[in-house]
Amino acid sequence: MKQSEAATHGRRAVIELREKILSGELQGGTRLFEVPLAEALDISRTPVREAMSRLTEEGLLDRLPNGGFVVRRFGFADVVDSIEVRGVMEGMAARLAAERGAAPEALDEIKHTVIKLDACFGEQLDDVDFDAYSDLNEKFHHQLAALAGSEIIRREVERASSLPFASPSAFLPDKADITAFRRSLRSAQDQHRALVSAIEAREGSRAEAIAREHARTARRNLEYILAEDPTLIEQIRGLALIHR
């Protein structure tokens, strides 16, 4: 097999296995075996083995002491800790961007994203273009990670955001007809504007505090789902892996 073909198979194995885990097709506690997975994906065992190692690094699998892998189960406290780590890292990135002074062109880009996010909201309280908001929200957080002008900080913020359930879009349902969540996006957007304003004004402590509070939106969404509306579990990728 050519090296490029092997790399392609490896990437496909990672993507498909990740999807099977987050969709709940492979449930927490499931033992994974190379041969059946390789047959199911119609590829050799080597890319499957490499994919499972990659997903272990992402925190979705655990390596068993006697060999093999098992799909992780996540406790509520594990998820909260992941969200807190992301908040700390984004807070640091925001503070340093403010203290060091963000590049004017980078500030212009993130402010333009905020304007586009504003356009996602209609006149009614729960009138939100959810799909557009989700995409732009992800873009905003990528831009925030890079605003301090440090590749090390950008990389570490991205690493923290890749922890299971720590991403800015974690626990946002795929369905756009959930009023409680669409209304909560307005306060999140207020934080986006305040965060950029604090960075531009060189207010490091304020920028850090806003970023850390903003990250806790994912925690509040999770608490709402588990306490108020468990029916949403089926609509949100990976939520079946979490137990209290």
C-alpha atoms as a PDB file:
ATOM      1  CA  MET A   1       0.000   0.000   0.000  1.00  0.00           C
ATOM      2  CA  LYS A   2       1.321   3.443  -0.913  1.00  0.00           C
ATOM      3  CA  GLN A   3       2.121   5.859   1.906  1.00  0.00           C
ATOM      4  CA  SER A   4      -0.503   8.375   0.750  1.00  0.00           C
ATOM      5  CA  GLU A   5      -3.137   5.638   0.574  1.00  0.00           C
ATOM      6  CA  ALA A   6      -2.240   4.436   4.073  1.00  0.00           C
ATOM      7  CA  ALA A   7      -2.547   8.001   5.402  1.00  0.00           C
ATOM      8  CA  THR A   8      -5.952   8.344   3.754  1.00  0.00           C
ATOM      9  CA  HIS A   9      -7.150   5.104   5.346  1.00  0.00           C
ATOM     10  CA  GLY A  10      -5.818   6.263   8.695  1.00  0.00           C
ATOM     11  CA  ARG A  11      -7.700   9.568   8.528  1.00  0.00           C
ATOM     12  CA  ARG A  12     -10.899   7.821   7.451  1.00  0.00           C
ATOM     13  CA  ALA A  13     -10.587   5.356  10.320  1.00  0.00           C
ATOM     14  CA  VAL A  14     -10.214   8.199  12.837  1.00  0.00           C
ATOM     15  CA  ILE A  15     -13.199  10.103  11.437  1.00  0.00           C
ATOM     16  CA  GLU A  16     -15.490   7.089  11.222  1.00  0.00           C
ATOM     17  CA  LEU A  17     -14.570   5.694  14.639  1.00  0.00           C
ATOM     18  CA  ARG A  18     -14.993   9.127  16.243  1.00  0.00           C
ATOM     19  CA  GLU A  19     -18.419   9.454  14.648  1.00  0.00           C
ATOM     20  CA  LYS A  20     -19.475   5.999  15.845  1.00  0.00           C
ATOM     21  CA  ILE A  21     -18.479   6.913  19.411  1.00  0.00           C
ATOM     22  CA  LEU A  22     -20.064  10.371  19.490  1.00  0.00           C
ATOM     23  CA  SER A  23     -23.259   9.150  17.826  1.00  0.00           C
ATOM     24  CA  GLY A  24     -23.646   6.471  20.503  1.00  0.00           C
ATOM     25  CA  GLU A  25     -23.295   3.600  18.050  1.00  0.00           C
ATOM     26  CA  LEU A  26     -20.268   2.510  20.093  1.00  0.00           C
ATOM     27  CA  GLN A  27     -21.375   3.015  23.680  1.00  0.00           C
ATOM     28  CA  GLY A  28     -19.255   3.729  26.743  1.00  0.00           C
ATOM     29  CA  GLY A  29     -17.602   0.554  28.027  1.00  0.00           C
ATOM     30  CA  THR A  30     -17.565  -1.130  24.622  1.00  0.00           C
ATOM     31  CA  ARG A  31     -14.383  -3.157  24.021  1.00  0.00           C
ATOM     32  CA  LEU A  32     -12.949  -2.545  20.556  1.00  0.00           C
ATOM     33  CA  PHE A  33     -11.293  -5.283  18.529  1.00  0.00           C
ATOM     34  CA  GLU A  34      -9.056  -4.559  15.569  1.00  0.00           C
ATOM     35  CA  VAL A  35     -10.199  -7.315  13.229  1.00  0.00           C
ATOM     36  CA  PRO A  36     -13.976  -6.666  13.322  1.00  0.00           C
ATOM     37  CA  LEU A  37     -13.403  -2.905  13.042  1.00  0.00           C
ATOM     38  CA  ALA A  38     -11.015  -3.352  10.120  1.00  0.00           C
ATOM     39  CA  GLU A  39     -13.575  -5.541   8.377  1.00  0.00           C
ATOM     40  CA  ALA A  40     -16.388  -3.083   9.072  1.00  0.00           C
ATOM     41  CA  LEU A  41     -14.332  -0.173   7.697  1.00  0.00           C
ATOM     42  CA  ASP A  42     -12.939  -2.303   4.849  1.00  0.00           C
ATOM     43  CA  ILE A  43      -9.329  -1.380   5.623  1.00  0.00           C
ATOM     44  CA  SER A  44      -6.312  -3.146   7.119  1.00  0.00           C
ATOM     45  CA  ARG A  45      -5.677  -3.497  10.854  1.00  0.00           C
ATOM     46  CA  THR A  46      -2.778  -1.030  10.931  1.00  0.00           C
ATOM     47  CA  PRO A  47      -4.793   2.182  10.288  1.00  0.00           C
ATOM     48  CA  VAL A  48      -7.453   0.938  12.712  1.00  0.00           C
ATOM     49  CA  ARG A  49      -4.818   0.452  15.403  1.00  0.00           C
ATOM     50  CA  GLU A  50      -3.392   3.900  14.700  1.00  0.00           C
ATOM     51  CA  ALA A  51      -6.870   5.439  14.765  1.00  0.00           C
ATOM     52  CA  MET A  52      -7.584   3.929  18.168  1.00  0.00           C
ATOM     53  CA  SER A  53      -4.297   5.333  19.482  1.00  0.00           C
ATOM     54  CA  ARG A  54      -5.279   8.764  18.152  1.00  0.00           C
ATOM     55  CA  LEU A  55      -8.713   8.602  19.785  1.00  0.00           C
ATOM     56  CA  THR A  56      -7.033   7.601  23.037  1.00  0.00           C
ATOM     57  CA  GLU A  57      -5.041  10.841  22.845  1.00  0.00           C
ATOM     58  CA  GLU A  58      -8.317  12.705  22.280  1.00  0.00           C
ATOM     59  CA  GLY A  59      -9.735  11.090  25.410  1.00  0.00           C
ATOM     60  CA  LEU A  60     -12.498   9.096  23.732  1.00  0.00           C
ATOM     61  CA  LEU A  61     -10.878   5.693  24.322  1.00  0.00           C
ATOM     62  CA  ASP A  62      -8.959   4.085  27.176  1.00  0.00           C
ATOM     63  CA  ARG A  63      -6.106   1.672  26.584  1.00  0.00           C
ATOM     64  CA  LEU A  64      -6.592  -1.551  28.522  1.00  0.00           C
ATOM     65  CA  PRO A  65      -3.703  -2.912  30.658  1.00  0.00           C
ATOM     66  CA  ASN A  66      -3.768  -6.264  28.885  1.00  0.00           C
ATOM     67  CA  GLY A  67      -4.005  -4.731  25.407  1.00  0.00           C
ATOM     68  CA  GLY A  68      -6.859  -3.380  23.356  1.00  0.00           C
ATOM     69  CA  PHE A  69      -9.093  -0.365  23.804  1.00  0.00           C
ATOM     70  CA  VAL A  70     -12.439   0.465  25.385  1.00  0.00           C
ATOM     71  CA  VAL A  71     -14.818   3.388  24.764  1.00  0.00           C
ATOM     72  CA  ARG A  72     -14.621   5.790  27.697  1.00  0.00           C
ATOM     73  CA  ARG A  73     -17.475   6.667  29.993  1.00  0.00           C
ATOM     74  CA  PHE A  74     -17.427  10.240  31.228  1.00  0.00           C
ATOM     75  CA  GLY A  75     -18.551  11.436  34.622  1.00  0.00           C
ATOM     76  CA  PHE A  76     -20.174  14.830  35.019  1.00  0.00           C
ATOM     77  CA  ALA A  77     -17.118  16.035  36.960  1.00  0.00           C
ATOM     78  CA  ASP A  78     -14.813  14.975  34.102  1.00  0.00           C
ATOM     79  CA  VAL A  79     -16.742  17.111  31.648  1.00  0.00           C
ATOM     80  CA  VAL A  80     -16.851  20.092  34.005  1.00  0.00           C
ATOM     81  CA  ASP A  81     -13.081  19.866  34.448  1.00  0.00           C
ATOM     82  CA  SER A  82     -12.571  19.840  30.667  1.00  0.00           C
ATOM     83  CA  ILE A  83     -14.726  22.940  30.308  1.00  0.00           C
ATOM     84  CA  GLU A  84     -12.789  24.670  33.101  1.00  0.00           C
ATOM     85  CA  VAL A  85      -9.461  23.878  31.437  1.00  0.00           C
ATOM     86  CA  ARG A  86     -10.688  25.391  28.180  1.00  0.00           C
ATOM     87  CA  GLY A  87     -11.921  28.467  30.051  1.00  0.00           C
ATOM     88  CA  VAL A  88      -8.566  28.940  31.764  1.00  0.00           C
ATOM     89  CA  MET A  89      -6.675  28.650  28.482  1.00  0.00           C
ATOM     90  CA  GLU A  90      -8.991  30.988  26.566  1.00  0.00           C
ATOM     91  CA  GLY A  91      -8.882  33.417  29.475  1.00  0.00           C
ATOM     92  CA  MET A  92      -5.092  33.454  29.348  1.00  0.00           C
ATOM     93  CA  ALA A  93      -5.152  33.964  25.576  1.00  0.00           C
ATOM     94  CA  ALA A  94      -7.561  36.894  25.948  1.00  0.00           C
ATOM     95  CA  ARG A  95      -5.535  38.491  28.756  1.00  0.00           C
ATOM     96  CA  LEU A  96      -2.259  38.252  26.854  1.00  0.00           C
ATOM     97  CA  ALA A  97      -3.878  39.571  23.677  1.00  0.00           C
ATOM     98  CA  ALA A  98      -5.051  42.608  25.658  1.00  0.00           C
ATOM     99  CA  GLU A  99      -1.780  43.141  27.516  1.00  0.00           C
ATOM    100  CA  ARG A 100       0.461  42.672  24.497  1.00  0.00           C
ATOM    101  CA  GLY A 101      -1.840  44.411  22.068  1.00  0.00           C
ATOM    102  CA  ALA A 102      -3.513  42.398  19.336  1.00  0.00           C
ATOM    103  CA  ALA A 103      -2.503  43.050  15.740  1.00  0.00           C
ATOM    104  CA  PRO A 104      -4.927  45.561  14.138  1.00  0.00           C
ATOM    105  CA  GLU A 105      -5.718  43.235  11.230  1.00  0.00           C
ATOM    106  CA  ALA A 106      -6.485  40.351  13.623  1.00  0.00           C
ATOM    107  CA  LEU A 107      -8.765  42.603  15.663  1.00  0.00           C
ATOM    108  CA  ASP A 108     -10.545  43.707  12.500  1.00  0.00           C
ATOM    109  CA  GLU A 109     -11.112  40.077  11.515  1.00  0.00           C
ATOM    110  CA  ILE A 110     -12.591  39.027  14.854  1.00  0.00           C
ATOM    111  CA  LYS A 111     -14.768  42.171  14.988  1.00  0.00           C
ATOM    112  CA  HIS A 112     -16.053  41.307  11.514  1.00  0.00           C
ATOM    113  CA  THR A 113     -16.960  37.843  12.811  1.00  0.00           C
ATOM    114  CA  VAL A 114     -18.862  39.450  15.708  1.00  0.00           C
ATOM    115  CA  ILE A 115     -20.815  41.548  13.191  1.00  0.00           C
ATOM    116  CA  LYS A 116     -21.691  38.404  11.250  1.00  0.00           C
ATOM    117  CA  LEU A 117     -22.777  36.738  14.501  1.00  0.00           C
ATOM    118  CA  ASP A 118     -25.038  39.713  15.235  1.00  0.00           C
ATOM    119  CA  ALA A 119     -26.715  39.120  11.876  1.00  0.00           C
ATOM    120  CA  CYS A 120     -27.720  35.622  13.017  1.00  0.00           C
ATOM    121  CA  PHE A 121     -30.318  37.113  15.373  1.00  0.00           C
ATOM    122  CA  GLY A 122     -33.754  38.302  14.354  1.00  0.00           C
ATOM    123  CA  GLU A 123     -36.187  40.652  16.054  1.00  0.00           C
ATOM    124  CA  GLN A 124     -37.894  37.983  18.142  1.00  0.00           C
ATOM    125  CA  LEU A 125     -36.135  36.758  21.286  1.00  0.00           C
ATOM    126  CA  ASP A 126     -35.792  33.191  20.038  1.00  0.00           C
ATOM    127  CA  ASP A 127     -35.254  34.044  16.366  1.00  0.00           C
ATOM    128  CA  VAL A 128     -31.746  32.738  15.640  1.00  0.00           C
ATOM    129  CA  ASP A 129     -30.099  31.274  12.553  1.00  0.00           C
ATOM    130  CA  PHE A 130     -28.683  28.409  14.551  1.00  0.00           C
ATOM    131  CA  ASP A 131     -26.581  26.775  11.828  1.00  0.00           C
ATOM    132  CA  ALA A 132     -24.881  30.036  10.852  1.00  0.00           C
ATOM    133  CA  TYR A 133     -24.299  30.891  14.503  1.00  0.00           C
ATOM    134  CA  SER A 134     -22.632  27.540  15.194  1.00  0.00           C
ATOM    135  CA  ASP A 135     -20.183  27.935  12.314  1.00  0.00           C
ATOM    136  CA  LEU A 136     -19.341  31.542  13.166  1.00  0.00           C
ATOM    137  CA  ASN A 137     -19.004  30.758  16.865  1.00  0.00           C
ATOM    138  CA  GLU A 138     -16.363  28.164  16.052  1.00  0.00           C
ATOM    139  CA  LYS A 139     -14.569  30.710  13.843  1.00  0.00           C
ATOM    140  CA  PHE A 140     -14.669  33.330  16.616  1.00  0.00           C
ATOM    141  CA  HIS A 141     -12.984  30.997  19.081  1.00  0.00           C
ATOM    142  CA  HIS A 142     -10.274  30.035  16.598  1.00  0.00           C
ATOM    143  CA  GLN A 143      -9.580  33.728  16.052  1.00  0.00           C
ATOM    144  CA  LEU A 144      -9.538  34.371  19.795  1.00  0.00           C
ATOM    145  CA  ALA A 145      -6.947  31.629  20.302  1.00  0.00           C
ATOM    146  CA  ALA A 146      -4.649  33.337  17.794  1.00  0.00           C
ATOM    147  CA  LEU A 147      -5.196  36.914  18.961  1.00  0.00           C
ATOM    148  CA  ALA A 148      -2.220  36.993  21.334  1.00  0.00           C
ATOM    149  CA  GLY A 149       0.081  36.407  18.355  1.00  0.00           C
ATOM    150  CA  SER A 150       1.643  33.310  19.917  1.00  0.00           C
ATOM    151  CA  GLU A 151       1.663  29.974  18.135  1.00  0.00           C
ATOM    152  CA  ILE A 152       2.279  28.198  21.450  1.00  0.00           C
ATOM    153  CA  ILE A 153      -0.777  29.785  23.058  1.00  0.00           C
ATOM    154  CA  ARG A 154      -2.917  29.186  19.973  1.00  0.00           C
ATOM    155  CA  ARG A 155      -1.931  25.523  19.894  1.00  0.00           C
ATOM    156  CA  GLU A 156      -2.561  24.986  23.610  1.00  0.00           C
ATOM    157  CA  VAL A 157      -5.967  26.682  23.493  1.00  0.00           C
ATOM    158  CA  GLU A 158      -6.905  24.464  20.547  1.00  0.00           C
ATOM    159  CA  ARG A 159      -5.646  21.433  22.462  1.00  0.00           C
ATOM    160  CA  ALA A 160      -7.805  22.331  25.472  1.00  0.00           C
ATOM    161  CA  SER A 161     -10.799  22.884  23.192  1.00  0.00           C
ATOM    162  CA  SER A 162     -10.348  19.395  21.739  1.00  0.00           C
ATOM    163  CA  LEU A 163     -10.860  17.734  25.124  1.00  0.00           C
ATOM    164  CA  PRO A 164     -14.060  15.672  25.112  1.00  0.00           C
ATOM    165  CA  PHE A 165     -17.085  17.975  25.432  1.00  0.00           C
ATOM    166  CA  ALA A 166     -14.945  21.098  26.023  1.00  0.00           C
ATOM    167  CA  SER A 167     -15.390  22.727  22.626  1.00  0.00           C
ATOM    168  CA  PRO A 168     -17.310  26.032  22.377  1.00  0.00           C
ATOM    169  CA  SER A 169     -20.106  24.229  20.555  1.00  0.00           C
ATOM    170  CA  ALA A 170     -20.423  21.410  23.074  1.00  0.00           C
ATOM    171  CA  PHE A 171     -24.001  20.625  24.160  1.00  0.00           C
ATOM    172  CA  LEU A 172     -25.596  22.814  21.536  1.00  0.00           C
ATOM    173  CA  PRO A 173     -28.353  20.676  19.994  1.00  0.00           C
ATOM    174  CA  ASP A 174     -28.339  20.029  16.274  1.00  0.00           C
ATOM    175  CA  LYS A 175     -32.006  20.971  16.086  1.00  0.00           C
ATOM    176  CA  ALA A 176     -32.750  24.680  15.730  1.00  0.00           C
ATOM    177  CA  ASP A 177     -36.222  24.527  17.314  1.00  0.00           C
ATOM    178  CA  ILE A 178     -35.101  24.370  20.951  1.00  0.00           C
ATOM    179  CA  THR A 179     -36.124  27.763  22.278  1.00  0.00           C
ATOM    180  CA  ALA A 180     -34.218  27.671  25.569  1.00  0.00           C
ATOM    181  CA  PHE A 181     -30.901  27.257  23.798  1.00  0.00           C
ATOM    182  CA  ARG A 182     -31.534  29.782  21.076  1.00  0.00           C
ATOM    183  CA  ARG A 183     -32.367  32.426  23.685  1.00  0.00           C
ATOM    184  CA  SER A 184     -29.187  31.676  25.629  1.00  0.00           C
ATOM    185  CA  LEU A 185     -27.149  32.487  22.522  1.00  0.00           C
ATOM    186  CA  ARG A 186     -28.011  36.166  22.873  1.00  0.00           C
ATOM    187  CA  SER A 187     -26.193  36.440  26.203  1.00  0.00           C
ATOM    188  CA  ALA A 188     -23.275  34.497  24.726  1.00  0.00           C
ATOM    189  CA  GLN A 189     -23.142  37.002  21.878  1.00  0.00           C
ATOM    190  CA  ASP A 190     -23.098  39.862  24.378  1.00  0.00           C
ATOM    191  CA  GLN A 191     -20.014  38.216  25.885  1.00  0.00           C
ATOM    192  CA  HIS A 192     -18.379  37.964  22.457  1.00  0.00           C
ATOM    193  CA  ARG A 193     -18.760  41.718  21.985  1.00  0.00           C
ATOM    194  CA  ALA A 194     -17.590  42.525  25.519  1.00  0.00           C
ATOM    195  CA  LEU A 195     -14.570  40.255  25.158  1.00  0.00           C
ATOM    196  CA  VAL A 196     -13.370  41.888  21.957  1.00  0.00           C
ATOM    197  CA  SER A 197     -14.011  45.333  23.447  1.00  0.00           C
ATOM    198  CA  ALA A 198     -11.900  44.496  26.523  1.00  0.00           C
ATOM    199  CA  ILE A 199      -9.038  43.200  24.392  1.00  0.00           C
ATOM    200  CA  GLU A 200      -9.101  46.273  22.177  1.00  0.00           C
ATOM    201  CA  ALA A 201      -9.115  48.517  25.274  1.00  0.00           C
ATOM    202  CA  ARG A 202      -6.078  46.630  26.664  1.00  0.00           C
ATOM    203  CA  GLU A 203      -8.055  45.530  29.742  1.00  0.00           C
ATOM    204  CA  GLY A 204      -6.352  42.204  30.420  1.00  0.00           C
ATOM    205  CA  SER A 205      -8.040  41.211  33.684  1.00  0.00           C
ATOM    206  CA  ARG A 206     -11.494  42.042  32.340  1.00  0.00           C
ATOM    207  CA  ALA A 207     -10.868  40.129  29.110  1.00  0.00           C
ATOM    208  CA  GLU A 208      -9.705  37.079  31.039  1.00  0.00           C
ATOM    209  CA  ALA A 209     -12.736  37.140  33.358  1.00  0.00           C
ATOM    210  CA  ILE A 210     -15.193  37.435  30.450  1.00  0.00           C
ATOM    211  CA  ALA A 211     -13.511  34.596  28.541  1.00  0.00           C
ATOM    212  CA  ARG A 212     -13.604  32.273  31.559  1.00  0.00           C
ATOM    213  CA  GLU A 213     -17.245  33.052  32.266  1.00  0.00           C
ATOM    214  CA  HIS A 214     -18.099  32.617  28.592  1.00  0.00           C
ATOM    215  CA  ALA A 215     -16.618  29.110  28.577  1.00  0.00           C
ATOM    216  CA  ARG A 216     -19.020  28.108  31.340  1.00  0.00           C
ATOM    217  CA  THR A 217     -21.901  28.394  28.870  1.00  0.00           C
ATOM    218  CA  ALA A 218     -21.202  24.780  27.903  1.00  0.00           C
ATOM    219  CA  ARG A 219     -21.522  23.732  31.545  1.00  0.00           C
ATOM    220  CA  ARG A 220     -24.830  25.558  31.949  1.00  0.00           C
ATOM    221  CA  ASN A 221     -26.147  23.916  28.782  1.00  0.00           C
ATOM    222  CA  LEU A 222     -25.140  20.496  30.092  1.00  0.00           C
ATOM    223  CA  GLU A 223     -26.778  21.126  33.467  1.00  0.00           C
ATOM    224  CA  TYR A 224     -29.966  22.251  31.741  1.00  0.00           C
ATOM    225  CA  ILE A 225     -30.099  19.098  29.641  1.00  0.00           C
ATOM    226  CA  LEU A 226     -29.467  16.702  32.512  1.00  0.00           C
ATOM    227  CA  ALA A 227     -31.749  18.445  35.013  1.00  0.00           C
ATOM    228  CA  GLU A 228     -34.494  20.010  32.914  1.00  0.00           C
ATOM    229  CA  ASP A 229     -34.837  18.228  29.586  1.00  0.00           C
ATOM    230  CA  PRO A 230     -33.239  14.758  29.317  1.00  0.00           C
ATOM    231  CA  THR A 231     -35.094  14.252  26.019  1.00  0.00           C
ATOM    232  CA  LEU A 232     -32.351  16.358  24.391  1.00  0.00           C
ATOM    233  CA  ILE A 233     -29.801  13.627  25.040  1.00  0.00           C
ATOM    234  CA  GLU A 234     -30.766  11.912  21.795  1.00  0.00           C
ATOM    235  CA  GLN A 235     -30.184  15.128  19.825  1.00  0.00           C
ATOM    236  CA  ILE A 236     -26.656  15.934  21.010  1.00  0.00           C
ATOM    237  CA  ARG A 237     -23.590  14.067  19.828  1.00  0.00           C
ATOM    238  CA  GLY A 238     -21.797  12.116  22.518  1.00  0.00           C
ATOM    239  CA  LEU A 239     -24.085  12.986  25.404  1.00  0.00           C
ATOM    240  CA  ALA A 240     -24.959   9.352  26.011  1.00  0.00           C
ATOM    241  CA  LEU A 241     -21.343   8.833  27.126  1.00  0.00           C
ATOM    242  CA  ILE A 242     -21.864  11.080  30.183  1.00  0.00           C
ATOM    243  CA  HIS A 243     -23.227   9.817  33.472  1.00  0.00           C
ATOM    244  CA  ARG A 244     -23.779  11.600  36.770  1.00  0.00           C
END
